[in-house]
Each structure stands twice: as C-alpha cells, then as structure tokens.
Amino acid sequence: MLRFFVQTRNFSYVDRIGNALNPEPVEVALLEALRAFRSIRESASVDENGGRYIEKDGNKILLPGIPSGEEVMGFLKDVRSDTGVAKLVATLALAYPSKKENSGGDV
C-alpha cells in the first residue's frame, strides 16, 4: 500500500513512517494512510479482470488490496519492538519495484 503512495508521488505517509523516532507517529501516519487509501480504492476504476486502478498523468496505476487487520497489527507490533522496522518498510516502499510488481503482481 505504501508503494502506491510513492507511485503517485505522495511521499508524506512514507516519510512520516520512515522518520519516526517512536511508534506513535508510525501509528498515526498508518491510520491516515489507510483512511486515504480506502477512500481512493473505493472510488477507483475497475478493469476487465476486476482489478482496481487510477489514472495519473496518463498512466494507469494498479491498486493493491487493503492490508488485513492481522498485517497491520503485526507491523505495529514489530514497530513497537524496534522502530527501525518502520524505517526499513519505508525504504522498501521507496525502492524500485521488482519485475513481478512491474508485471501486475502484488504491490
């Protein structure tokens, strides 16, 4: 989900998560990112395969699924144990996608 915000050049959530010095800012940024992403996803176009996408600057950007509650809780638990996890996840979101992601795999 965070990579989607990078693809759309909305770096604020990723930056806030990656620069957090303690878990609370990560939790707030993630809550805001999830809320924004849910809104974007619900208003997105649907392609012939049922995939959701938006168009930005003439490019079709596929939307990943919304993270499950278990995924979010696992991430936050890891961040509470070690805030370096947040920086790692933000770094991965900013990295170039793998070939699998470029070909329409999970983002």
C-alpha atoms as a PDB file:
ATOM      1  CA  MET A   1       0.000   0.000   0.000  1.00  0.00           C
ATOM      2  CA  LEU A   2       2.820   2.418   0.837  1.00  0.00           C
ATOM      3  CA  ARG A   3       4.379   1.848  -2.585  1.00  0.00           C
ATOM      4  CA  PHE A   4       1.115   3.075  -4.131  1.00  0.00           C
ATOM      5  CA  PHE A   5       1.608   6.422  -2.405  1.00  0.00           C
ATOM      6  CA  VAL A   6       5.184   6.538  -3.733  1.00  0.00           C
ATOM      7  CA  GLN A   7       3.940   5.775  -7.254  1.00  0.00           C
ATOM      8  CA  THR A   8       1.510   8.687  -7.022  1.00  0.00           C
ATOM      9  CA  ARG A   9       4.261  10.934  -5.632  1.00  0.00           C
ATOM     10  CA  ASN A  10       2.531  11.328  -2.283  1.00  0.00           C
ATOM     11  CA  PHE A  11       5.545  10.727  -0.059  1.00  0.00           C
ATOM     12  CA  SER A  12       4.165  12.198   3.161  1.00  0.00           C
ATOM     13  CA  TYR A  13       2.978   8.930   4.752  1.00  0.00           C
ATOM     14  CA  VAL A  14       6.143   7.049   3.826  1.00  0.00           C
ATOM     15  CA  ASP A  15       8.345   9.889   5.067  1.00  0.00           C
ATOM     16  CA  ARG A  16       6.490  10.139   8.373  1.00  0.00           C
ATOM     17  CA  ILE A  17       6.734   6.393   8.923  1.00  0.00           C
ATOM     18  CA  GLY A  18      10.388   6.236   7.944  1.00  0.00           C
ATOM     19  CA  ASN A  19      11.415   9.233  10.055  1.00  0.00           C
ATOM     20  CA  ALA A  20       9.507   8.286  13.209  1.00  0.00           C
ATOM     21  CA  LEU A  21      11.572   8.156  16.388  1.00  0.00           C
ATOM     22  CA  ASN A  22       8.962   6.209  18.341  1.00  0.00           C
ATOM     23  CA  PRO A  23       5.900   4.065  17.497  1.00  0.00           C
ATOM     24  CA  GLU A  24       3.192   6.711  17.985  1.00  0.00           C
ATOM     25  CA  PRO A  25       3.905   8.748  14.821  1.00  0.00           C
ATOM     26  CA  VAL A  26       4.002   5.486  12.836  1.00  0.00           C
ATOM     27  CA  GLU A  27       0.556   4.541  14.158  1.00  0.00           C
ATOM     28  CA  VAL A  28      -0.898   7.959  13.296  1.00  0.00           C
ATOM     29  CA  ALA A  29       0.648   8.032   9.807  1.00  0.00           C
ATOM     30  CA  LEU A  30      -0.506   4.480   9.104  1.00  0.00           C
ATOM     31  CA  LEU A  31      -4.053   5.274  10.246  1.00  0.00           C
ATOM     32  CA  GLU A  32      -4.151   8.316   7.957  1.00  0.00           C
ATOM     33  CA  ALA A  33      -2.644   6.352   5.055  1.00  0.00           C
ATOM     34  CA  LEU A  34      -5.178   3.554   5.460  1.00  0.00           C
ATOM     35  CA  ARG A  35      -8.056   6.025   5.565  1.00  0.00           C
ATOM     36  CA  ALA A  36      -6.840   7.841   2.445  1.00  0.00           C
ATOM     37  CA  PHE A  37      -6.103   4.600   0.599  1.00  0.00           C
ATOM     38  CA  ARG A  38      -9.527   3.137   1.419  1.00  0.00           C
ATOM     39  CA  SER A  39     -11.168   6.273   0.007  1.00  0.00           C
ATOM     40  CA  ILE A  40      -9.039   6.152  -3.158  1.00  0.00           C
ATOM     41  CA  ARG A  41      -9.678   2.444  -3.620  1.00  0.00           C
ATOM     42  CA  GLU A  42     -13.441   2.757  -3.219  1.00  0.00           C
ATOM     43  CA  SER A  43     -13.627   5.425  -5.924  1.00  0.00           C
ATOM     44  CA  ALA A  44     -11.131   3.747  -8.311  1.00  0.00           C
ATOM     45  CA  SER A  45     -11.978   2.398 -11.742  1.00  0.00           C
ATOM     46  CA  VAL A  46     -12.270  -1.353 -12.244  1.00  0.00           C
ATOM     47  CA  ASP A  47     -10.613  -3.103 -15.189  1.00  0.00           C
ATOM     48  CA  GLU A  48     -11.893  -6.146 -17.118  1.00  0.00           C
ATOM     49  CA  ASN A  49     -10.168  -8.509 -14.644  1.00  0.00           C
ATOM     50  CA  GLY A  50     -11.736  -6.865 -11.593  1.00  0.00           C
ATOM     51  CA  GLY A  51      -8.528  -5.047 -10.635  1.00  0.00           C
ATOM     52  CA  ARG A  52      -8.819  -1.529  -9.350  1.00  0.00           C
ATOM     53  CA  TYR A  53      -6.751   1.321 -10.766  1.00  0.00           C
ATOM     54  CA  ILE A  54      -6.462   5.065 -11.011  1.00  0.00           C
ATOM     55  CA  GLU A  55      -5.045   7.138 -13.815  1.00  0.00           C
ATOM     56  CA  LYS A  56      -2.465   9.789 -13.059  1.00  0.00           C
ATOM     57  CA  ASP A  57      -0.587  11.810 -15.662  1.00  0.00           C
ATOM     58  CA  GLY A  58      -1.842   9.429 -18.345  1.00  0.00           C
ATOM     59  CA  ASN A  59      -0.554   6.339 -16.525  1.00  0.00           C
ATOM     60  CA  LYS A  60      -2.689   3.521 -15.179  1.00  0.00           C
ATOM     61  CA  ILE A  61      -1.655   2.717 -11.591  1.00  0.00           C
ATOM     62  CA  LEU A  62      -2.952  -0.567 -10.200  1.00  0.00           C
ATOM     63  CA  LEU A  63      -4.105  -0.516  -6.601  1.00  0.00           C
ATOM     64  CA  PRO A  64      -3.093  -3.265  -4.213  1.00  0.00           C
ATOM     65  CA  GLY A  65      -5.536  -4.697  -1.714  1.00  0.00           C
ATOM     66  CA  ILE A  66      -6.119  -3.089   1.653  1.00  0.00           C
ATOM     67  CA  PRO A  67      -3.834  -4.662   4.277  1.00  0.00           C
ATOM     68  CA  SER A  68      -5.623  -7.024   6.632  1.00  0.00           C
ATOM     69  CA  GLY A  69      -6.043  -6.273  10.300  1.00  0.00           C
ATOM     70  CA  GLU A  70      -3.547  -9.038  11.069  1.00  0.00           C
ATOM     71  CA  GLU A  71      -0.953  -7.496   8.742  1.00  0.00           C
ATOM     72  CA  VAL A  72      -1.389  -4.061  10.299  1.00  0.00           C
ATOM     73  CA  MET A  73      -1.227  -5.443  13.841  1.00  0.00           C
ATOM     74  CA  GLY A  74       1.881  -7.483  13.012  1.00  0.00           C
ATOM     75  CA  PHE A  75       3.604  -4.430  11.557  1.00  0.00           C
ATOM     76  CA  LEU A  76       2.699  -2.246  14.532  1.00  0.00           C
ATOM     77  CA  LYS A  77       3.823  -4.939  16.959  1.00  0.00           C
ATOM     78  CA  ASP A  78       7.181  -5.116  15.172  1.00  0.00           C
ATOM     79  CA  VAL A  79       7.482  -1.308  15.217  1.00  0.00           C
ATOM     80  CA  ARG A  80       6.768  -1.241  18.959  1.00  0.00           C
ATOM     81  CA  SER A  81       9.582  -3.759  19.443  1.00  0.00           C
ATOM     82  CA  ASP A  82      12.010  -1.943  17.133  1.00  0.00           C
ATOM     83  CA  THR A  83      11.269   1.393  15.440  1.00  0.00           C
ATOM     84  CA  GLY A  84      13.934   0.521  12.873  1.00  0.00           C
ATOM     85  CA  VAL A  85      11.310  -1.729  11.266  1.00  0.00           C
ATOM     86  CA  ALA A  86       9.380   1.381  10.223  1.00  0.00           C
ATOM     87  CA  LYS A  87      12.447   2.826   8.510  1.00  0.00           C
ATOM     88  CA  LEU A  88      13.038  -0.491   6.728  1.00  0.00           C
ATOM     89  CA  VAL A  89       9.446  -0.667   5.453  1.00  0.00           C
ATOM     90  CA  ALA A  90       9.609   2.953   4.257  1.00  0.00           C
ATOM     91  CA  THR A  91      12.893   2.235   2.480  1.00  0.00           C
ATOM     92  CA  LEU A  92      11.385  -0.794   0.740  1.00  0.00           C
ATOM     93  CA  ALA A  93       8.370   1.264  -0.350  1.00  0.00           C
ATOM     94  CA  LEU A  94      10.733   3.788  -1.933  1.00  0.00           C
ATOM     95  CA  ALA A  95      12.845   1.142  -3.714  1.00  0.00           C
ATOM     96  CA  TYR A  96      12.230   0.283  -7.342  1.00  0.00           C
ATOM     97  CA  PRO A  97       9.590  -2.436  -7.671  1.00  0.00           C
ATOM     98  CA  SER A  98      10.578  -5.975  -8.534  1.00  0.00           C
ATOM     99  CA  LYS A  99       9.886  -7.353 -12.014  1.00  0.00           C
ATOM    100  CA  LYS A 100       6.931  -9.266 -10.528  1.00  0.00           C
ATOM    101  CA  GLU A 101       5.410  -5.979  -9.334  1.00  0.00           C
ATOM    102  CA  ASN A 102       6.000  -4.350 -12.709  1.00  0.00           C
ATOM    103  CA  SER A 103       4.060  -7.139 -14.399  1.00  0.00           C
ATOM    104  CA  GLY A 104       0.958  -6.589 -12.300  1.00  0.00           C
ATOM    105  CA  GLY A 105       1.804  -8.650  -9.212  1.00  0.00           C
ATOM    106  CA  ASP A 106       1.031  -7.530  -5.698  1.00  0.00           C
ATOM    107  CA  VAL A 107       2.257  -4.066  -4.939  1.00  0.00           C
END
